[in-house]
Every structure is written in structure tokens, then in C-alpha cells.
Amino acid sequence: MSAPELIRIVKVRPQAPERIAIEADDAERSALAERFAIPEVRSLVADLAFDGNGPSIEAKGRMVADLIQTCAVSGEEFPVRIDEALHLRFVPVGTLAVADEDEIELDSAGPDEIEYDGESFDVGEAIAQSLGLAIDPFVEGPNADAARRKAGIIDEAAASGPMAEALRVLRPD
């Protein structure tokens, strides 16, 4: 595993800060783009408010990123904006309850829980992971449909057959 691209250490003691604003610099954005195999991270900003006095710390806020991604269909690069609410809970190692079952149900309304060891945690890595989850690996650009038509790829959802052909004659696009 390579070194973290976005390091922002938050100390739990004596108390976590009330708020933190993070803006990735050029080197961090370049490293994140490489990590997530996208052409460019143009900007990444996150603002988090912390709540909790003790070992369990909640962080709520927002992450906004401007990226350049590659269309999964045409291969062209185009801009994408990610604007996501963040809800994280940092807990000491060993405090997460893990059932001895094969399946674990996750609560989508609850915070993402992240374990930390010692007196601090890296909120930068949590933001980087949140960015990675928000990136659509199969994103389609504005010219995806034109690329499909040019390649002769037919929309599977489109009706086909003799009746569909007759209806197309009656209802031209």
C-alpha cells in the first residue's frame, strides 16, 4: 500500500477541534487522481464539524470535488462535479460491533464508522476514501449516445421487431 495522499491528522485529546476545512493542494490532487485512475482532480474541498468529547468523535459536513473523468463509452474526457454530504464516526480500534454471522446489515442512514488507533485519526484519508466511493467508474459523458450510434450499438431497452418498426414509421422522431 502506498502512502496516504491526503493527510490531515486530528488529535482526540485533549479534545477534537470544533471544525476543520480541508483543501487539497496540487500534489495531493495529482496523487488522488493517480490512486483513483482518473485524468485529473481539479479541486477537492471538505468542511467538517466535529461533535464528541471522548474516544468516539462524529464528523458531519460536505465534500465538493471537481474532476476530469473519462467517458466509459466514448473514451473522451469531460468535467464532473461531486457534491456529497459526509457523516463519519471515528471510534477506537476494537469498539466496532461485528456479528459472528455471514452477513452484516449496514445502516445507510447512519455514519460511516472508521477505527483509529492511539490519540489521533486521519480525517484526510477518510475524505479520500469518501471521494473514491463517490466517483462513478462507469460514468457517461455528453457524447456517449453519439458514440454508441457511431459504433452501431443498439439500445437494449429500445423496442425492436416488426411492430416497433411500424410504430416508428407512424411516429418519426
C-alpha atoms as a PDB file:
ATOM      1  CA  MET A   1       0.000   0.000   0.000  1.00  0.00           C
ATOM      2  CA  SER A   2       1.297   3.434  -0.890  1.00  0.00           C
ATOM      3  CA  ALA A   3       1.452   6.413   1.427  1.00  0.00           C
ATOM      4  CA  PRO A   4      -1.799   8.315   2.009  1.00  0.00           C
ATOM      5  CA  GLU A   5      -2.375  11.119  -0.479  1.00  0.00           C
ATOM      6  CA  LEU A   6      -4.323  13.476   1.787  1.00  0.00           C
ATOM      7  CA  ILE A   7      -3.068  13.519   5.372  1.00  0.00           C
ATOM      8  CA  ARG A   8      -4.922  15.614   7.948  1.00  0.00           C
ATOM      9  CA  ILE A   9      -4.321  14.339  11.472  1.00  0.00           C
ATOM     10  CA  VAL A  10      -6.888  15.220  14.128  1.00  0.00           C
ATOM     11  CA  LYS A  11      -5.950  14.742  17.778  1.00  0.00           C
ATOM     12  CA  VAL A  12      -8.639  13.308  20.036  1.00  0.00           C
ATOM     13  CA  ARG A  13      -7.070  14.649  23.228  1.00  0.00           C
ATOM     14  CA  PRO A  14      -7.490  16.986  24.898  1.00  0.00           C
ATOM     15  CA  GLN A  15     -10.438  17.499  22.534  1.00  0.00           C
ATOM     16  CA  ALA A  16     -11.070  17.268  18.790  1.00  0.00           C
ATOM     17  CA  PRO A  17     -11.426  20.641  17.052  1.00  0.00           C
ATOM     18  CA  GLU A  18     -14.913  22.048  16.529  1.00  0.00           C
ATOM     19  CA  ARG A  19     -14.444  22.432  12.787  1.00  0.00           C
ATOM     20  CA  ILE A  20     -11.883  21.737  10.088  1.00  0.00           C
ATOM     21  CA  ALA A  21     -11.705  22.924   6.495  1.00  0.00           C
ATOM     22  CA  ILE A  22      -9.579  20.918   4.085  1.00  0.00           C
ATOM     23  CA  GLU A  23      -8.425  21.893   0.626  1.00  0.00           C
ATOM     24  CA  ALA A  24      -6.181  19.512  -1.298  1.00  0.00           C
ATOM     25  CA  ASP A  25      -3.093  21.071  -2.851  1.00  0.00           C
ATOM     26  CA  ASP A  26      -1.701  20.339  -6.337  1.00  0.00           C
ATOM     27  CA  ALA A  27       0.445  17.384  -5.236  1.00  0.00           C
ATOM     28  CA  GLU A  28      -2.387  15.830  -3.210  1.00  0.00           C
ATOM     29  CA  ARG A  29      -4.869  16.213  -6.083  1.00  0.00           C
ATOM     30  CA  SER A  30      -2.409  14.659  -8.517  1.00  0.00           C
ATOM     31  CA  ALA A  31      -1.814  11.703  -6.178  1.00  0.00           C
ATOM     32  CA  LEU A  32      -5.566  11.220  -5.680  1.00  0.00           C
ATOM     33  CA  ALA A  33      -6.132  11.234  -9.454  1.00  0.00           C
ATOM     34  CA  GLU A  34      -3.489   8.528  -9.807  1.00  0.00           C
ATOM     35  CA  ARG A  35      -4.973   6.499  -6.932  1.00  0.00           C
ATOM     36  CA  PHE A  36      -8.460   6.562  -8.454  1.00  0.00           C
ATOM     37  CA  ALA A  37      -7.250   6.169 -12.061  1.00  0.00           C
ATOM     38  CA  ILE A  38      -8.889   9.334 -13.362  1.00  0.00           C
ATOM     39  CA  PRO A  39      -7.250  12.020 -15.502  1.00  0.00           C
ATOM     40  CA  GLU A  40      -7.450  14.876 -13.002  1.00  0.00           C
ATOM     41  CA  VAL A  41      -8.750  16.108  -9.666  1.00  0.00           C
ATOM     42  CA  ARG A  42      -9.104  19.847 -10.275  1.00  0.00           C
ATOM     43  CA  SER A  43     -10.286  20.688  -6.770  1.00  0.00           C
ATOM     44  CA  LEU A  44     -11.199  18.945  -3.541  1.00  0.00           C
ATOM     45  CA  VAL A  45     -12.608  20.842  -0.591  1.00  0.00           C
ATOM     46  CA  ALA A  46     -14.210  19.470   2.557  1.00  0.00           C
ATOM     47  CA  ASP A  47     -15.633  21.194   5.587  1.00  0.00           C
ATOM     48  CA  LEU A  48     -16.381  19.127   8.695  1.00  0.00           C
ATOM     49  CA  ALA A  49     -17.811  19.928  12.110  1.00  0.00           C
ATOM     50  CA  PHE A  50     -16.808  17.592  14.939  1.00  0.00           C
ATOM     51  CA  ASP A  51     -19.003  16.523  17.836  1.00  0.00           C
ATOM     52  CA  GLY A  52     -17.948  14.390  20.741  1.00  0.00           C
ATOM     53  CA  ASN A  53     -15.792  14.632  23.761  1.00  0.00           C
ATOM     54  CA  GLY A  54     -14.099  11.336  24.354  1.00  0.00           C
ATOM     55  CA  PRO A  55     -12.991   8.395  22.273  1.00  0.00           C
ATOM     56  CA  SER A  56     -15.924   8.457  19.793  1.00  0.00           C
ATOM     57  CA  ILE A  57     -15.970  11.518  17.535  1.00  0.00           C
ATOM     58  CA  GLU A  58     -18.627  12.293  14.913  1.00  0.00           C
ATOM     59  CA  ALA A  59     -17.891  14.491  11.933  1.00  0.00           C
ATOM     60  CA  LYS A  60     -20.570  15.967   9.673  1.00  0.00           C
ATOM     61  CA  GLY A  61     -20.076  18.194   6.703  1.00  0.00           C
ATOM     62  CA  ARG A  62     -19.709  18.390   2.956  1.00  0.00           C
ATOM     63  CA  MET A  63     -17.175  17.405   0.317  1.00  0.00           C
ATOM     64  CA  VAL A  64     -17.057  19.119  -3.085  1.00  0.00           C
ATOM     65  CA  ALA A  65     -14.720  17.944  -5.841  1.00  0.00           C
ATOM     66  CA  ASP A  66     -14.261  18.964  -9.459  1.00  0.00           C
ATOM     67  CA  LEU A  67     -12.815  16.135 -11.534  1.00  0.00           C
ATOM     68  CA  ILE A  68     -11.982  15.233 -15.084  1.00  0.00           C
ATOM     69  CA  GLN A  69     -13.217  11.735 -15.870  1.00  0.00           C
ATOM     70  CA  THR A  70     -13.156   9.541 -18.946  1.00  0.00           C
ATOM     71  CA  CYS A  71     -16.449   8.544 -20.544  1.00  0.00           C
ATOM     72  CA  ALA A  72     -16.948   4.774 -20.275  1.00  0.00           C
ATOM     73  CA  VAL A  73     -18.456   4.714 -23.780  1.00  0.00           C
ATOM     74  CA  SER A  74     -16.625   7.252 -25.942  1.00  0.00           C
ATOM     75  CA  GLY A  75     -13.316   7.475 -24.082  1.00  0.00           C
ATOM     76  CA  GLU A  76     -13.445  11.285 -24.117  1.00  0.00           C
ATOM     77  CA  GLU A  77     -12.577  13.326 -21.041  1.00  0.00           C
ATOM     78  CA  PHE A  78     -15.154  15.656 -19.512  1.00  0.00           C
ATOM     79  CA  PRO A  79     -15.699  17.578 -16.247  1.00  0.00           C
ATOM     80  CA  VAL A  80     -17.644  16.065 -13.335  1.00  0.00           C
ATOM     81  CA  ARG A  81     -18.672  17.700 -10.060  1.00  0.00           C
ATOM     82  CA  ILE A  82     -19.137  15.684  -6.885  1.00  0.00           C
ATOM     83  CA  ASP A  83     -21.026  17.345  -4.046  1.00  0.00           C
ATOM     84  CA  GLU A  84     -21.630  14.946  -1.154  1.00  0.00           C
ATOM     85  CA  ALA A  85     -22.731  15.179   2.449  1.00  0.00           C
ATOM     86  CA  LEU A  86     -20.318  13.454   4.828  1.00  0.00           C
ATOM     87  CA  HIS A  87     -21.239  11.769   8.100  1.00  0.00           C
ATOM     88  CA  LEU A  88     -18.346   9.959   9.753  1.00  0.00           C
ATOM     89  CA  ARG A  89     -17.766   8.464  13.191  1.00  0.00           C
ATOM     90  CA  PHE A  90     -14.230   7.823  14.367  1.00  0.00           C
ATOM     91  CA  VAL A  91     -14.018   5.135  17.052  1.00  0.00           C
ATOM     92  CA  PRO A  92     -11.125   3.436  18.863  1.00  0.00           C
ATOM     93  CA  VAL A  93      -9.908   0.125  17.416  1.00  0.00           C
ATOM     94  CA  GLY A  94     -11.903  -2.812  18.722  1.00  0.00           C
ATOM     95  CA  THR A  95     -15.082  -0.903  19.555  1.00  0.00           C
ATOM     96  CA  LEU A  96     -16.988  -1.681  16.363  1.00  0.00           C
ATOM     97  CA  ALA A  97     -19.528  -4.435  16.942  1.00  0.00           C
ATOM     98  CA  VAL A  98     -19.063  -7.206  14.391  1.00  0.00           C
ATOM     99  CA  ALA A  99     -21.570 -10.028  14.383  1.00  0.00           C
ATOM    100  CA  ASP A 100     -20.437 -13.625  14.063  1.00  0.00           C
ATOM    101  CA  GLU A 101     -22.795 -14.015  11.121  1.00  0.00           C
ATOM    102  CA  ASP A 102     -22.054 -14.366   7.446  1.00  0.00           C
ATOM    103  CA  GLU A 103     -23.961 -11.201   6.591  1.00  0.00           C
ATOM    104  CA  ILE A 104     -23.748  -7.768   8.144  1.00  0.00           C
ATOM    105  CA  GLU A 105     -26.501  -5.241   7.580  1.00  0.00           C
ATOM    106  CA  LEU A 106     -25.297  -1.687   7.120  1.00  0.00           C
ATOM    107  CA  ASP A 107     -27.428   1.278   8.089  1.00  0.00           C
ATOM    108  CA  SER A 108     -27.379   3.662   5.137  1.00  0.00           C
ATOM    109  CA  ALA A 109     -28.750   6.468   7.302  1.00  0.00           C
ATOM    110  CA  GLY A 110     -26.021   6.114   9.905  1.00  0.00           C
ATOM    111  CA  PRO A 111     -22.473   7.420   9.780  1.00  0.00           C
ATOM    112  CA  ASP A 112     -19.546   5.645   8.162  1.00  0.00           C
ATOM    113  CA  GLU A 113     -17.573   4.238  11.092  1.00  0.00           C
ATOM    114  CA  ILE A 114     -13.802   4.378  10.925  1.00  0.00           C
ATOM    115  CA  GLU A 115     -11.494   2.893  13.536  1.00  0.00           C
ATOM    116  CA  TYR A 116      -8.403   4.689  14.773  1.00  0.00           C
ATOM    117  CA  ASP A 117      -5.517   3.630  16.962  1.00  0.00           C
ATOM    118  CA  GLY A 118      -3.939   5.867  19.580  1.00  0.00           C
ATOM    119  CA  GLU A 119      -4.644   9.518  20.272  1.00  0.00           C
ATOM    120  CA  SER A 120      -5.454  10.712  16.734  1.00  0.00           C
ATOM    121  CA  PHE A 121      -7.066   9.836  13.417  1.00  0.00           C
ATOM    122  CA  ASP A 122      -6.508  10.857   9.799  1.00  0.00           C
ATOM    123  CA  VAL A 123      -9.604  12.691   8.559  1.00  0.00           C
ATOM    124  CA  GLY A 124      -7.820  13.307   5.241  1.00  0.00           C
ATOM    125  CA  GLU A 125      -7.771   9.593   4.440  1.00  0.00           C
ATOM    126  CA  ALA A 126     -11.463   9.377   5.364  1.00  0.00           C
ATOM    127  CA  ILE A 127     -12.194  12.158   2.862  1.00  0.00           C
ATOM    128  CA  ALA A 128     -10.055  10.458   0.205  1.00  0.00           C
ATOM    129  CA  GLN A 129     -11.973   7.204   0.728  1.00  0.00           C
ATOM    130  CA  SER A 130     -15.289   9.078   0.541  1.00  0.00           C
ATOM    131  CA  LEU A 131     -14.160  10.633  -2.745  1.00  0.00           C
ATOM    132  CA  GLY A 132     -13.231   7.203  -4.099  1.00  0.00           C
ATOM    133  CA  LEU A 133     -16.695   5.880  -3.252  1.00  0.00           C
ATOM    134  CA  ALA A 134     -18.386   8.887  -4.886  1.00  0.00           C
ATOM    135  CA  ILE A 135     -16.565   8.515  -8.220  1.00  0.00           C
ATOM    136  CA  ASP A 136     -18.716   6.699 -10.791  1.00  0.00           C
ATOM    137  CA  PRO A 137     -16.408   4.170 -12.517  1.00  0.00           C
ATOM    138  CA  PHE A 138     -18.819   3.840 -15.470  1.00  0.00           C
ATOM    139  CA  VAL A 139     -19.689   7.497 -15.949  1.00  0.00           C
ATOM    140  CA  GLU A 140     -21.003   8.506 -19.353  1.00  0.00           C
ATOM    141  CA  GLY A 141     -20.053  11.775 -20.985  1.00  0.00           C
ATOM    142  CA  PRO A 142     -22.212  14.110 -23.037  1.00  0.00           C
ATOM    143  CA  ASN A 143     -21.359  12.338 -26.314  1.00  0.00           C
ATOM    144  CA  ALA A 144     -21.936   8.757 -25.131  1.00  0.00           C
ATOM    145  CA  ASP A 145     -25.116   8.270 -27.179  1.00  0.00           C
ATOM    146  CA  ALA A 146     -23.447   9.600 -30.325  1.00  0.00           C
ATOM    147  CA  ALA A 147     -20.528   7.203 -29.775  1.00  0.00           C
ATOM    148  CA  ARG A 148     -22.958   4.297 -29.398  1.00  0.00           C
ATOM    149  CA  ARG A 149     -24.742   5.192 -32.645  1.00  0.00           C
ATOM    150  CA  LYS A 150     -21.439   5.574 -34.488  1.00  0.00           C
ATOM    151  CA  ALA A 151     -20.316   2.151 -33.217  1.00  0.00           C
ATOM    152  CA  GLY A 152     -23.650   0.591 -34.147  1.00  0.00           C
ATOM    153  CA  ILE A 153     -24.543  -0.276 -30.578  1.00  0.00           C
ATOM    154  CA  ILE A 154     -28.295  -0.590 -30.214  1.00  0.00           C
ATOM    155  CA  ASP A 155     -30.091   0.491 -27.076  1.00  0.00           C
ATOM    156  CA  GLU A 156     -31.223  -2.775 -25.437  1.00  0.00           C
ATOM    157  CA  ALA A 157     -34.196  -1.001 -23.885  1.00  0.00           C
ATOM    158  CA  ALA A 158     -35.448   0.158 -27.289  1.00  0.00           C
ATOM    159  CA  ALA A 159     -38.304  -1.801 -28.791  1.00  0.00           C
ATOM    160  CA  SER A 160     -37.475  -3.977 -31.781  1.00  0.00           C
ATOM    161  CA  GLY A 161     -39.329  -6.199 -34.195  1.00  0.00           C
ATOM    162  CA  PRO A 162     -41.980  -5.671 -36.897  1.00  0.00           C
ATOM    163  CA  MET A 163     -44.444  -3.814 -34.643  1.00  0.00           C
ATOM    164  CA  ALA A 164     -41.735  -1.471 -33.373  1.00  0.00           C
ATOM    165  CA  GLU A 165     -40.731  -0.711 -36.984  1.00  0.00           C
ATOM    166  CA  ALA A 166     -44.365   0.039 -37.904  1.00  0.00           C
ATOM    167  CA  LEU A 167     -44.725   2.356 -34.911  1.00  0.00           C
ATOM    168  CA  ARG A 168     -41.504   4.180 -35.833  1.00  0.00           C
ATOM    169  CA  VAL A 169     -42.963   4.906 -39.279  1.00  0.00           C
ATOM    170  CA  LEU A 170     -46.093   6.342 -37.656  1.00  0.00           C
ATOM    171  CA  ARG A 171     -44.154   8.339 -35.042  1.00  0.00           C
ATOM    172  CA  PRO A 172     -40.954   9.669 -36.583  1.00  0.00           C
ATOM    173  CA  ASP A 173     -38.513  11.214 -34.082  1.00  0.00           C
END
